[in-house]
Amino acid sequence: MAGQPAADGVLAALPEAKRELARLLLAARQPVPGHPVPRSGAGPVPPTALQTRLWRREHAHPAAATGSHALRLTGRLDERRLTGALTAVLRRHDSLRTRLVAAASEPPRLHVDDEPVLRLTRTDLTGLPAPAAAERVAREVTGSAATVLDLESGHTSAFRLLRTAPGEHVLILASHLAVFDGWSSGVFLADLATAYREDAAEPAPPAPRFTDYADWQHRWLAGPEGAAERARRRAVFAADPPAPRCPDGFDRGHLPVRLARGPVAAGIELGAAAGATPFMTLLAALAVVLARRTGRTSAVIGAPAAGRFAAPLEGAVGQFTTVVPIRIDLAGGPGFPELLRRTRTAVAEALGHQRLPVDVLFGDGTPPPYEVLFALHNYPAVPLDLPGVEVGQVPGPPARHLELYSPDPAATLACVGLVERDGEIGGTAEYNRHAITPEGVRGLLTGIEEVLEQAVAAPGRAL
């Protein structure tokens, strides 16, 4: 930008107490770009809309915003180098060094600590018999998922390194969902492997950083472009009633799920011939199930999305996840090919609005117009490539996503998260025990199978 170096020089000459205020005033005079860019200057920034919600919820529900996963490391692990690599990754990503500070009578702000704090506990289990060591590992993995993390103090990550046998370790990471999303795990592991191999102490930060994104989101939403996009999207769902809120509130349940291979594979093949991805095909079938359930001629489904709508964001650790509501029109009783065409259009339209947080789109305290969230996950698989060490996943408790994906979990029936492996599609359904039974959740998935079976048998028949 022309004149930017001169402006930076003026800012640097100001007293520190006035520097950030001047930077904000200058930024307010400039058009907000359509995508995040590195900020000029430093200082605290407003949290994202999702971070604000998670921060408020964690006060009443500690550990509700904790995510965890574990890795088995087999081989000659250099613990000193691993410790240095973990610290280097914390230093590289400002999201892992943030604190949300809420001063009296002022809105909360994200502050970035200059130096990382590595919270790593080491436990030697080599003196235990193998069954006892395995039981202890399982308890540690479960305990990590229940770790109480705190966004205000900056205690947003915690690591455990268990030595179970000579040449055998388990590394467990607990992370606050306000600063770490599913995509971040791949970025984190790739950076960890690089820092371990190179013994790097000062890795270059990504550009833009997460705080650049948070600052940009606040300014973009407050500007004319954000306001216009919010108005356009609200108009799309103006005729859709908000999801009913369960009067008994929210009580989490988890259910392993798997789709029948035969009808689903045939349905996905039919969808592919019509130019639809597996996600679009399954989503179209689910829309039919939900429309039948409600008696309406449309269905709105919440679809979790990575939220990394600009390529530079793909290299940053942070919480970028968003939920895009997808409205699928079933008016006129379309056959499956026509429904797929409508679904393709609806998905493309919805994904083009990942900049708009669902908390802002439906931000007046009214629940969103969807009761079911549906995802077919495709996070990039990035192995932790450590020299001389074989890496494997350690199973853990199911992830808790409804607080992350839904502004009001009590207004949500279920969040169905699936993955496709070796031709099988399965995963976990997280649901509200007060609003739906396990049989009801299974009925949603059985309904998908039945719709696909009917579509394959008679594609043109009205659904």
Protein backbone atom coordinates (compact mmCIF):
# COMPACT_ATOMS: atom_id res chain seq x y z
CA MET A 1 0.00 0.00 0.00
CA ALA A 2 1.44 3.40 -0.98
CA GLY A 3 2.47 5.45 1.98
CA GLN A 4 2.41 2.52 4.39
CA PRO A 5 6.13 2.72 5.39
CA ALA A 6 5.69 6.42 6.18
CA ALA A 7 2.61 5.68 8.27
CA ASP A 8 4.48 2.97 10.15
CA GLY A 9 7.25 5.46 10.90
CA VAL A 10 4.76 7.95 12.32
CA LEU A 11 3.21 5.24 14.49
CA ALA A 12 6.61 4.17 15.80
CA ALA A 13 7.39 7.73 16.84
CA LEU A 14 4.29 8.00 19.01
CA PRO A 15 4.30 7.17 22.73
CA GLU A 16 3.36 3.55 23.32
CA ALA A 17 0.13 4.52 25.09
CA LYS A 18 -1.11 6.33 21.96
CA ARG A 19 0.32 4.04 19.30
CA GLU A 20 -2.48 1.45 19.23
CA LEU A 21 -5.23 4.08 19.27
CA ALA A 22 -3.61 5.84 16.32
CA ARG A 23 -3.28 2.56 14.46
CA LEU A 24 -6.99 1.82 14.95
CA LEU A 25 -7.97 5.31 13.78
CA LEU A 26 -5.85 4.93 10.65
CA ALA A 27 -7.30 1.48 9.95
CA ALA A 28 -10.83 2.85 10.29
CA ARG A 29 -10.12 5.32 7.47
CA GLN A 30 -9.01 2.58 5.09
CA PRO A 31 -11.33 0.21 3.23
CA VAL A 32 -11.46 -3.22 4.84
CA PRO A 33 -10.05 -5.79 2.38
CA GLY A 34 -12.14 -8.79 1.43
CA HIS A 35 -9.59 -11.15 3.00
CA PRO A 36 -7.37 -10.93 6.10
CA VAL A 37 -3.94 -9.38 5.63
CA PRO A 38 -1.08 -8.84 8.11
CA ARG A 39 -1.71 -5.90 10.40
CA SER A 40 0.56 -2.90 10.67
CA GLY A 41 1.59 -2.63 14.30
CA ALA A 42 0.70 -4.87 17.20
CA GLY A 43 -1.44 -4.73 20.30
CA PRO A 44 -4.65 -6.39 21.50
CA VAL A 45 -7.49 -7.12 19.09
CA PRO A 46 -11.15 -8.08 19.52
CA PRO A 47 -11.86 -11.82 19.74
CA THR A 48 -13.75 -13.51 16.95
CA ALA A 49 -17.48 -14.03 17.29
CA LEU A 50 -16.98 -17.74 17.96
CA GLN A 51 -14.28 -17.10 20.58
CA THR A 52 -16.63 -14.76 22.42
CA ARG A 53 -19.32 -17.45 22.57
CA LEU A 54 -16.92 -20.16 23.76
CA TRP A 55 -15.47 -17.80 26.37
CA ARG A 56 -18.93 -17.12 27.78
CA ARG A 57 -19.91 -20.77 27.78
CA GLU A 58 -16.76 -22.02 29.51
CA HIS A 59 -17.62 -19.97 32.60
CA ALA A 60 -20.69 -22.14 33.17
CA HIS A 61 -19.33 -25.35 31.65
CA PRO A 62 -15.58 -25.80 32.31
CA ALA A 63 -13.81 -28.12 29.84
CA ALA A 64 -16.71 -27.81 27.38
CA ALA A 65 -14.24 -26.16 24.97
CA THR A 66 -11.45 -28.73 25.34
CA GLY A 67 -10.33 -30.87 22.42
CA SER A 68 -7.78 -33.67 22.69
CA HIS A 69 -5.94 -36.24 20.62
CA ALA A 70 -3.07 -38.64 21.20
CA LEU A 71 -0.23 -40.17 19.19
CA ARG A 72 1.87 -43.28 19.76
CA LEU A 73 5.57 -42.72 19.02
CA THR A 74 7.60 -45.88 18.47
CA GLY A 75 11.36 -45.61 17.99
CA ARG A 76 14.29 -43.55 19.24
CA LEU A 77 12.57 -40.36 20.40
CA ASP A 78 14.77 -37.45 21.44
CA GLU A 79 12.77 -35.95 24.30
CA ARG A 80 14.94 -32.84 24.48
CA ARG A 81 14.39 -32.16 20.79
CA LEU A 82 10.65 -32.84 21.10
CA THR A 83 10.39 -30.34 23.96
CA GLY A 84 12.20 -27.73 21.89
CA ALA A 85 9.98 -28.43 18.89
CA LEU A 86 6.79 -28.05 20.93
CA THR A 87 8.04 -24.72 22.27
CA ALA A 88 8.98 -23.61 18.76
CA VAL A 89 5.45 -24.30 17.46
CA LEU A 90 3.94 -22.35 20.35
CA ARG A 91 6.28 -19.49 19.48
CA ARG A 92 5.36 -19.60 15.77
CA HIS A 93 1.58 -19.37 16.20
CA ASP A 94 0.26 -16.40 18.13
CA SER A 95 -3.11 -18.12 18.64
CA LEU A 96 -1.37 -20.50 21.07
CA ARG A 97 -0.08 -17.57 23.14
CA THR A 98 -3.30 -15.56 23.41
CA ARG A 99 -5.27 -14.52 26.46
CA LEU A 100 -8.75 -13.05 26.38
CA VAL A 101 -8.71 -10.13 28.81
CA ALA A 102 -12.04 -8.64 29.90
CA ALA A 103 -11.56 -5.39 31.79
CA ALA A 104 -14.46 -3.86 33.66
CA SER A 105 -16.87 -1.89 31.43
CA GLU A 106 -14.77 -2.66 28.35
CA PRO A 107 -15.24 -5.34 25.66
CA PRO A 108 -12.87 -8.33 25.86
CA ARG A 109 -9.65 -8.22 23.86
CA LEU A 110 -7.11 -10.79 22.72
CA HIS A 111 -3.61 -10.21 24.08
CA VAL A 112 -0.60 -12.15 22.78
CA ASP A 113 2.13 -13.13 25.21
CA ASP A 114 5.65 -12.54 23.90
CA GLU A 115 7.04 -15.84 25.14
CA PRO A 116 5.39 -19.27 24.92
CA VAL A 117 4.65 -21.33 28.02
CA LEU A 118 4.98 -25.06 27.41
CA ARG A 119 2.86 -27.06 29.85
CA LEU A 120 4.27 -30.56 29.51
CA THR A 121 4.08 -33.35 32.07
CA ARG A 122 6.26 -36.44 31.71
CA THR A 123 5.28 -39.80 33.19
CA ASP A 124 7.40 -42.94 33.16
CA LEU A 125 5.28 -46.09 33.04
CA THR A 126 8.05 -48.51 32.18
CA GLY A 127 7.89 -50.10 35.64
CA LEU A 128 4.28 -51.21 35.16
CA PRO A 129 3.18 -54.50 33.58
CA ALA A 130 1.95 -54.02 30.01
CA PRO A 131 -1.79 -54.34 30.88
CA ALA A 132 -1.47 -51.80 33.69
CA ALA A 133 0.48 -49.42 31.47
CA ALA A 134 -2.19 -49.68 28.75
CA GLU A 135 -4.91 -48.97 31.32
CA ARG A 136 -3.00 -45.92 32.57
CA VAL A 137 -2.59 -44.61 29.01
CA ALA A 138 -6.34 -44.94 28.46
CA ARG A 139 -7.02 -42.99 31.67
CA GLU A 140 -4.56 -40.28 30.67
CA VAL A 141 -6.14 -39.92 27.22
CA THR A 142 -9.62 -39.68 28.75
CA GLY A 143 -8.37 -37.24 31.38
CA SER A 144 -6.79 -35.02 28.75
CA ALA A 145 -10.17 -34.56 27.06
CA ALA A 146 -11.58 -33.37 30.39
CA THR A 147 -8.73 -30.92 31.07
CA VAL A 148 -10.05 -27.56 32.22
CA LEU A 149 -8.37 -24.98 30.00
CA ASP A 150 -8.82 -21.27 30.38
CA LEU A 151 -8.84 -18.63 27.68
CA GLU A 152 -8.50 -15.76 30.13
CA SER A 153 -5.28 -17.01 31.73
CA GLY A 154 -3.78 -18.16 28.43
CA HIS A 155 -3.72 -21.77 29.65
CA THR A 156 -5.04 -22.99 26.30
CA SER A 157 -2.89 -26.08 25.72
CA ALA A 158 -1.45 -28.90 27.80
CA PHE A 159 0.75 -31.81 26.75
CA ARG A 160 1.42 -35.18 28.34
CA LEU A 161 4.31 -37.42 27.35
CA LEU A 162 4.03 -40.99 28.62
CA ARG A 163 6.98 -43.37 28.35
CA THR A 164 5.38 -46.80 28.27
CA ALA A 165 8.39 -48.95 27.32
CA PRO A 166 11.92 -48.53 25.94
CA GLY A 167 11.42 -46.88 22.55
CA GLU A 168 7.67 -46.42 23.15
CA HIS A 169 5.94 -43.12 24.01
CA VAL A 170 2.45 -41.62 23.86
CA LEU A 171 2.09 -37.88 23.26
CA ILE A 172 -1.25 -36.36 24.26
CA LEU A 173 -2.38 -32.84 23.37
CA ALA A 174 -5.27 -30.99 24.99
CA SER A 175 -6.17 -27.72 23.28
CA HIS A 176 -8.80 -25.04 23.76
CA LEU A 177 -11.28 -25.00 20.89
CA ALA A 178 -11.16 -21.21 20.87
CA VAL A 179 -7.60 -21.34 19.47
CA PHE A 180 -7.35 -24.74 17.77
CA ASP A 181 -9.65 -26.31 15.16
CA GLY A 182 -9.58 -29.60 13.28
CA TRP A 183 -7.52 -28.20 10.41
CA SER A 184 -5.01 -26.84 12.94
CA SER A 185 -4.00 -30.35 13.98
CA GLY A 186 -2.46 -30.96 10.55
CA VAL A 187 -0.68 -27.60 10.60
CA PHE A 188 0.55 -28.21 14.14
CA LEU A 189 1.93 -31.67 13.39
CA ALA A 190 3.64 -30.53 10.18
CA ASP A 191 5.30 -27.64 12.02
CA LEU A 192 6.23 -29.92 14.91
CA ALA A 193 7.94 -32.36 12.55
CA THR A 194 9.87 -29.54 10.86
CA ALA A 195 10.99 -28.05 14.15
CA TYR A 196 12.02 -31.49 15.47
CA ARG A 197 14.05 -32.33 12.37
CA GLU A 198 15.72 -28.94 12.11
CA ASP A 199 15.93 -28.27 15.87
CA ALA A 200 14.52 -24.85 14.99
CA ALA A 201 14.35 -22.23 17.75
CA GLU A 202 12.95 -19.24 15.86
CA PRO A 203 10.48 -20.36 13.18
CA ALA A 204 8.95 -17.62 11.06
CA PRO A 205 5.27 -16.93 11.90
CA PRO A 206 2.58 -17.47 9.26
CA ALA A 207 1.22 -14.49 7.38
CA PRO A 208 -1.43 -13.55 8.18
CA ARG A 209 -1.53 -14.67 11.82
CA PHE A 210 -4.67 -15.61 13.69
CA THR A 211 -4.85 -12.25 15.43
CA ASP A 212 -4.72 -10.60 11.99
CA TYR A 213 -7.79 -12.66 11.11
CA ALA A 214 -9.59 -11.74 14.35
CA ASP A 215 -8.89 -8.04 13.82
CA TRP A 216 -10.00 -8.26 10.19
CA GLN A 217 -13.24 -10.09 11.07
CA HIS A 218 -14.23 -7.43 13.61
CA ARG A 219 -13.61 -4.58 11.18
CA TRP A 220 -15.20 -6.35 8.19
CA LEU A 221 -18.39 -7.17 10.10
CA ALA A 222 -18.65 -3.56 11.28
CA GLY A 223 -18.14 -2.20 7.76
CA PRO A 224 -20.59 -1.81 4.87
CA GLU A 225 -19.54 -5.01 3.07
CA GLY A 226 -20.10 -7.18 6.14
CA ALA A 227 -23.43 -5.51 6.87
CA ALA A 228 -24.60 -6.02 3.29
CA GLU A 229 -23.64 -9.68 3.28
CA ARG A 230 -25.40 -10.23 6.60
CA ALA A 231 -28.58 -8.65 5.22
CA ARG A 232 -28.47 -10.75 2.04
CA ARG A 233 -27.99 -14.02 3.92
CA ARG A 234 -30.70 -13.25 6.46
CA ALA A 235 -33.11 -12.70 3.61
CA VAL A 236 -32.41 -16.24 2.34
CA PHE A 237 -33.70 -17.72 5.60
CA ALA A 238 -36.44 -15.18 6.32
CA ALA A 239 -39.21 -17.77 5.79
CA ASP A 240 -37.54 -20.50 7.86
CA PRO A 241 -38.58 -20.68 11.52
CA PRO A 242 -35.91 -20.95 14.19
CA ALA A 243 -35.25 -24.43 15.50
CA PRO A 244 -37.33 -25.18 18.61
CA ARG A 245 -35.32 -25.00 21.80
CA CYS A 246 -35.66 -28.02 24.06
CA PRO A 247 -37.18 -26.80 27.35
CA ASP A 248 -35.02 -29.26 29.30
CA GLY A 249 -31.82 -27.79 27.86
CA PHE A 250 -28.86 -29.79 26.60
CA ASP A 251 -27.37 -33.09 27.74
CA ARG A 252 -24.72 -34.60 25.49
CA GLY A 253 -24.84 -38.11 24.10
CA HIS A 254 -22.55 -39.88 21.62
CA LEU A 255 -23.42 -42.65 19.22
CA PRO A 256 -21.14 -44.48 16.76
CA VAL A 257 -22.77 -44.59 13.33
CA ARG A 258 -22.12 -46.29 10.02
CA LEU A 259 -24.00 -46.08 6.73
CA ALA A 260 -24.93 -49.25 4.86
CA ARG A 261 -22.34 -49.74 2.15
CA GLY A 262 -24.60 -51.04 -0.64
CA PRO A 263 -27.29 -48.36 -1.03
CA VAL A 264 -24.91 -45.56 -0.09
CA ALA A 265 -22.25 -46.58 -2.61
CA ALA A 266 -24.88 -46.86 -5.34
CA GLY A 267 -26.36 -43.51 -4.38
CA ILE A 268 -22.97 -41.81 -4.39
CA GLU A 269 -22.27 -43.28 -7.83
CA LEU A 270 -25.60 -41.88 -9.04
CA GLY A 271 -24.68 -38.51 -7.56
CA ALA A 272 -21.23 -38.54 -9.19
CA ALA A 273 -22.86 -39.09 -12.59
CA ALA A 274 -24.86 -35.93 -11.94
CA GLY A 275 -21.78 -33.95 -10.90
CA ALA A 276 -22.43 -34.14 -7.15
CA THR A 277 -19.79 -34.86 -4.52
CA PRO A 278 -20.46 -37.56 -1.89
CA PHE A 279 -21.22 -34.80 0.62
CA MET A 280 -23.79 -33.22 -1.70
CA THR A 281 -25.44 -36.59 -2.37
CA LEU A 282 -25.74 -37.49 1.30
CA LEU A 283 -26.90 -33.97 2.14
CA ALA A 284 -29.65 -34.15 -0.50
CA ALA A 285 -30.90 -37.43 0.96
CA LEU A 286 -30.81 -36.01 4.49
CA ALA A 287 -32.82 -33.00 3.31
CA VAL A 288 -35.58 -35.37 2.16
CA VAL A 289 -35.56 -37.13 5.54
CA LEU A 290 -35.81 -33.85 7.45
CA ALA A 291 -38.50 -32.41 5.16
CA ARG A 292 -40.60 -35.52 5.71
CA ARG A 293 -40.02 -35.21 9.46
CA THR A 294 -41.19 -31.59 9.61
CA GLY A 295 -43.79 -31.68 6.84
CA ARG A 296 -42.13 -28.74 5.08
CA THR A 297 -41.08 -28.35 1.45
CA SER A 298 -37.59 -27.19 2.37
CA ALA A 299 -34.88 -28.17 4.80
CA VAL A 300 -32.09 -26.15 6.39
CA ILE A 301 -29.02 -28.10 7.49
CA GLY A 302 -25.97 -26.72 9.27
CA ALA A 303 -22.69 -27.72 7.62
CA PRO A 304 -19.44 -27.17 9.54
CA ALA A 305 -16.81 -25.69 7.24
CA ALA A 306 -13.09 -25.04 7.68
CA GLY A 307 -13.60 -21.28 7.32
CA ARG A 308 -10.21 -20.85 5.63
CA PHE A 309 -11.64 -18.99 2.67
CA ALA A 310 -8.27 -17.43 1.77
CA ALA A 311 -5.30 -19.65 0.89
CA PRO A 312 -2.85 -17.92 3.29
CA LEU A 313 -5.08 -18.91 6.23
CA GLU A 314 -4.38 -22.58 5.55
CA GLY A 315 -0.97 -22.36 7.23
CA ALA A 316 -2.11 -20.85 10.53
CA VAL A 317 -3.13 -22.55 13.77
CA GLY A 318 -6.33 -21.04 15.13
CA GLN A 319 -10.07 -21.43 15.35
CA PHE A 320 -11.43 -20.57 11.91
CA THR A 321 -14.29 -23.09 11.83
CA THR A 322 -17.68 -21.79 10.86
CA VAL A 323 -21.09 -23.28 10.18
CA VAL A 324 -22.81 -22.48 6.91
CA PRO A 325 -26.58 -23.06 6.90
CA ILE A 326 -27.64 -24.72 3.65
CA ARG A 327 -31.25 -24.29 2.54
CA ILE A 328 -32.44 -27.01 0.16
CA ASP A 329 -35.70 -26.52 -1.73
CA LEU A 330 -37.86 -29.61 -2.22
CA ALA A 331 -40.95 -27.81 -3.54
CA GLY A 332 -42.73 -29.53 -6.42
CA GLY A 333 -41.61 -33.04 -5.51
CA PRO A 334 -38.40 -33.17 -7.57
CA GLY A 335 -36.79 -36.38 -8.67
CA PHE A 336 -33.32 -37.12 -7.36
CA PRO A 337 -31.37 -35.65 -10.33
CA GLU A 338 -33.25 -32.37 -9.97
CA LEU A 339 -32.75 -32.43 -6.18
CA LEU A 340 -29.02 -32.94 -6.71
CA ARG A 341 -28.93 -29.94 -9.03
CA ARG A 342 -30.64 -27.80 -6.40
CA THR A 343 -28.33 -29.13 -3.69
CA ARG A 344 -25.20 -28.39 -5.73
CA THR A 345 -26.34 -24.81 -6.18
CA ALA A 346 -27.26 -24.42 -2.50
CA VAL A 347 -23.94 -25.84 -1.28
CA ALA A 348 -21.88 -23.65 -3.60
CA GLU A 349 -23.86 -20.59 -2.54
CA ALA A 350 -23.50 -21.37 1.18
CA LEU A 351 -19.77 -22.10 1.04
CA GLY A 352 -19.24 -18.74 -0.63
CA HIS A 353 -20.26 -17.08 2.65
CA GLN A 354 -17.80 -18.62 5.08
CA ARG A 355 -16.62 -15.16 6.08
CA LEU A 356 -19.93 -14.57 7.88
CA PRO A 357 -19.99 -16.21 11.35
CA VAL A 358 -23.19 -18.03 12.20
CA ASP A 359 -23.19 -16.18 15.55
CA VAL A 360 -23.55 -12.91 13.63
CA LEU A 361 -25.93 -14.23 10.98
CA PHE A 362 -28.36 -15.39 13.68
CA GLY A 363 -27.00 -13.21 16.44
CA ASP A 364 -30.10 -11.81 18.14
CA GLY A 365 -30.57 -14.66 20.62
CA THR A 366 -32.86 -16.58 18.27
CA PRO A 367 -31.73 -20.15 17.47
CA PRO A 368 -30.64 -20.83 13.89
CA PRO A 369 -33.19 -22.44 11.54
CA TYR A 370 -31.47 -25.85 11.57
CA GLU A 371 -31.82 -28.72 14.04
CA VAL A 372 -29.25 -31.05 12.48
CA LEU A 373 -25.61 -30.48 11.60
CA PHE A 374 -23.97 -32.73 9.04
CA ALA A 375 -20.34 -33.06 8.01
CA LEU A 376 -18.28 -35.38 5.83
CA HIS A 377 -14.82 -34.51 7.14
CA ASN A 378 -11.88 -34.16 4.79
CA TYR A 379 -9.17 -32.55 6.90
CA PRO A 380 -5.78 -32.91 5.22
CA ALA A 381 -3.94 -35.96 6.50
CA VAL A 382 -0.51 -34.76 7.60
CA PRO A 383 1.56 -37.50 9.23
CA LEU A 384 3.97 -36.56 11.99
CA ASP A 385 7.18 -37.40 10.17
CA LEU A 386 9.89 -37.74 12.82
CA PRO A 387 13.22 -39.34 11.86
CA GLY A 388 13.55 -42.81 13.35
CA VAL A 389 10.08 -42.70 14.89
CA GLU A 390 6.93 -44.48 13.73
CA VAL A 391 3.76 -42.53 14.49
CA GLY A 392 0.27 -43.96 15.05
CA GLN A 393 -3.06 -42.66 16.35
CA VAL A 394 -4.30 -43.59 19.83
CA PRO A 395 -8.10 -43.88 20.08
CA GLY A 396 -9.71 -41.46 22.49
CA PRO A 397 -13.15 -40.36 23.64
CA PRO A 398 -15.49 -38.84 21.04
CA ALA A 399 -14.98 -35.18 20.28
CA ARG A 400 -17.42 -32.63 21.68
CA HIS A 401 -18.55 -30.41 18.86
CA LEU A 402 -22.07 -29.16 19.56
CA GLU A 403 -20.83 -26.26 21.70
CA LEU A 404 -18.46 -25.37 18.88
CA TYR A 405 -20.88 -25.73 15.99
CA SER A 406 -24.15 -24.55 17.50
CA PRO A 407 -24.86 -21.13 19.03
CA ASP A 408 -27.53 -22.91 21.11
CA PRO A 409 -26.97 -26.67 21.67
CA ALA A 410 -30.42 -26.96 23.27
CA ALA A 411 -31.92 -26.10 19.86
CA THR A 412 -30.01 -28.87 18.08
CA LEU A 413 -31.01 -32.50 17.72
CA ALA A 414 -27.71 -33.92 16.51
CA CYS A 415 -24.39 -33.28 14.83
CA VAL A 416 -23.46 -36.15 12.52
CA GLY A 417 -19.77 -36.22 11.66
CA LEU A 418 -18.71 -38.81 9.09
CA VAL A 419 -15.49 -39.80 7.37
CA GLU A 420 -14.93 -42.03 4.35
CA ARG A 421 -12.28 -44.75 4.66
CA ASP A 422 -11.78 -47.72 2.37
CA GLY A 423 -15.23 -47.39 0.87
CA GLU A 424 -16.96 -47.25 4.27
CA ILE A 425 -18.67 -44.13 5.61
CA GLY A 426 -19.06 -43.88 9.36
CA GLY A 427 -18.27 -41.76 12.36
CA THR A 428 -19.97 -40.34 15.41
CA ALA A 429 -23.28 -38.63 16.07
CA GLU A 430 -23.32 -36.21 18.98
CA TYR A 431 -26.89 -35.54 20.09
CA ASN A 432 -29.04 -33.88 22.73
CA ARG A 433 -30.44 -36.57 25.02
CA HIS A 434 -33.31 -34.28 26.00
CA ALA A 435 -34.40 -33.78 22.38
CA ILE A 436 -33.87 -37.09 20.56
CA THR A 437 -33.23 -40.74 21.39
CA PRO A 438 -30.44 -42.91 19.99
CA GLU A 439 -33.10 -44.67 17.91
CA GLY A 440 -34.18 -41.31 16.53
CA VAL A 441 -30.62 -40.50 15.50
CA ARG A 442 -30.26 -43.90 13.83
CA GLY A 443 -33.56 -43.22 12.08
CA LEU A 444 -32.08 -40.13 10.41
CA LEU A 445 -29.25 -42.25 8.98
CA THR A 446 -31.52 -45.13 8.02
CA GLY A 447 -33.67 -42.58 6.24
CA ILE A 448 -30.64 -41.45 4.18
CA GLU A 449 -30.06 -45.06 3.12
CA GLU A 450 -33.72 -45.51 2.17
CA VAL A 451 -33.85 -42.30 0.12
CA LEU A 452 -30.71 -43.31 -1.78
CA GLU A 453 -32.08 -46.79 -2.39
CA GLN A 454 -35.30 -45.33 -3.79
CA ALA A 455 -33.36 -42.84 -5.91
CA VAL A 456 -31.21 -45.55 -7.47
CA ALA A 457 -34.26 -47.70 -8.21
CA ALA A 458 -36.24 -44.85 -9.82
CA PRO A 459 -34.17 -41.65 -10.23
CA GLY A 460 -36.93 -39.64 -11.85
CA ARG A 461 -39.65 -40.51 -9.37
CA ALA A 462 -40.83 -37.61 -7.20
CA LEU A 463 -39.35 -37.72 -3.71
